[in-house]
Amino acid sequence: MVGPLELAGRHGVEAVLAERLDTLFEAGELPDLKQLRDEFAPRQTLCPEVVVQMPPVSVYDELLDEVAA
């Protein structure tokens, strides 16, 4: 079965997937690739929306005036 190898390598879950496969094989069961993907493949996450407000350039001039003083 190539599917579990692809899953392990692509998503970096080699150790935990190996433990799961050992457990399945000891119980005499074959792995269900869809179930393994649902469990071990990363979920899509939403990125937070970040709003950056740039200050006016005059603020930087004021900072430079304070440092020079």
Protein backbone atom coordinates (compact mmCIF):
# COMPACT_ATOMS: atom_id res chain seq x y z
CA MET A 1 0.00 0.00 0.00
CA VAL A 2 1.54 3.26 -1.13
CA GLY A 3 -1.18 5.53 0.32
CA PRO A 4 0.00 5.37 3.95
CA LEU A 5 3.59 6.05 2.87
CA GLU A 6 2.47 9.11 0.94
CA LEU A 7 0.37 10.27 3.88
CA ALA A 8 3.26 9.84 6.32
CA GLY A 9 5.83 11.57 4.14
CA ARG A 10 3.71 14.44 2.93
CA HIS A 11 2.25 15.38 6.31
CA GLY A 12 5.09 14.45 8.67
CA VAL A 13 3.12 11.93 10.71
CA GLU A 14 5.49 8.98 10.35
CA ALA A 15 5.75 8.07 14.04
CA VAL A 16 2.08 8.30 14.99
CA LEU A 17 0.98 6.63 11.78
CA ALA A 18 3.44 3.78 12.37
CA GLU A 19 1.98 3.25 15.85
CA ARG A 20 -1.54 3.20 14.41
CA LEU A 21 -0.58 0.73 11.70
CA ASP A 22 1.13 -1.55 14.26
CA THR A 23 -2.04 -1.52 16.34
CA LEU A 24 -4.17 -2.35 13.32
CA PHE A 25 -1.87 -5.17 12.14
CA GLU A 26 -1.69 -6.68 15.66
CA ALA A 27 -5.50 -6.73 15.70
CA GLY A 28 -5.49 -8.46 12.31
CA GLU A 29 -7.08 -5.48 10.55
CA LEU A 30 -6.10 -3.75 7.35
CA PRO A 31 -5.82 0.04 7.33
CA ASP A 32 -8.60 2.12 5.79
CA LEU A 33 -6.79 4.85 3.85
CA LYS A 34 -9.73 7.27 3.93
CA GLN A 35 -10.02 6.94 7.70
CA LEU A 36 -6.26 7.43 8.12
CA ARG A 37 -6.34 10.55 5.94
CA ASP A 38 -9.27 11.94 7.90
CA GLU A 39 -7.36 11.39 11.12
CA PHE A 40 -3.80 12.37 10.20
CA ALA A 41 -3.95 14.81 7.29
CA PRO A 42 -3.90 18.47 8.32
CA ARG A 43 -7.16 20.34 8.33
CA GLN A 44 -7.66 23.55 6.40
CA THR A 45 -7.46 26.44 8.79
CA LEU A 46 -8.66 29.96 8.33
CA CYS A 47 -6.05 32.66 8.50
CA PRO A 48 -6.97 35.65 10.62
CA GLU A 49 -7.53 38.88 8.80
CA VAL A 50 -4.85 41.39 9.70
CA VAL A 51 -5.39 45.07 9.06
CA VAL A 52 -2.29 47.23 9.09
CA GLN A 53 -2.75 50.96 9.41
CA MET A 54 0.27 52.89 8.28
CA PRO A 55 0.95 56.06 10.27
CA PRO A 56 1.51 59.30 8.42
CA VAL A 57 5.12 60.05 7.45
CA SER A 58 5.14 63.11 9.71
CA VAL A 59 5.20 60.81 12.75
CA TYR A 60 8.61 59.52 11.70
CA ASP A 61 9.88 63.07 11.28
CA GLU A 62 8.78 63.83 14.85
CA LEU A 63 10.65 60.77 16.13
CA LEU A 64 13.82 61.83 14.31
CA ASP A 65 13.53 65.35 15.75
CA GLU A 66 13.29 63.91 19.29
CA VAL A 67 16.36 61.69 18.79
CA ALA A 68 18.40 64.60 17.39
CA ALA A 69 17.53 66.84 20.32
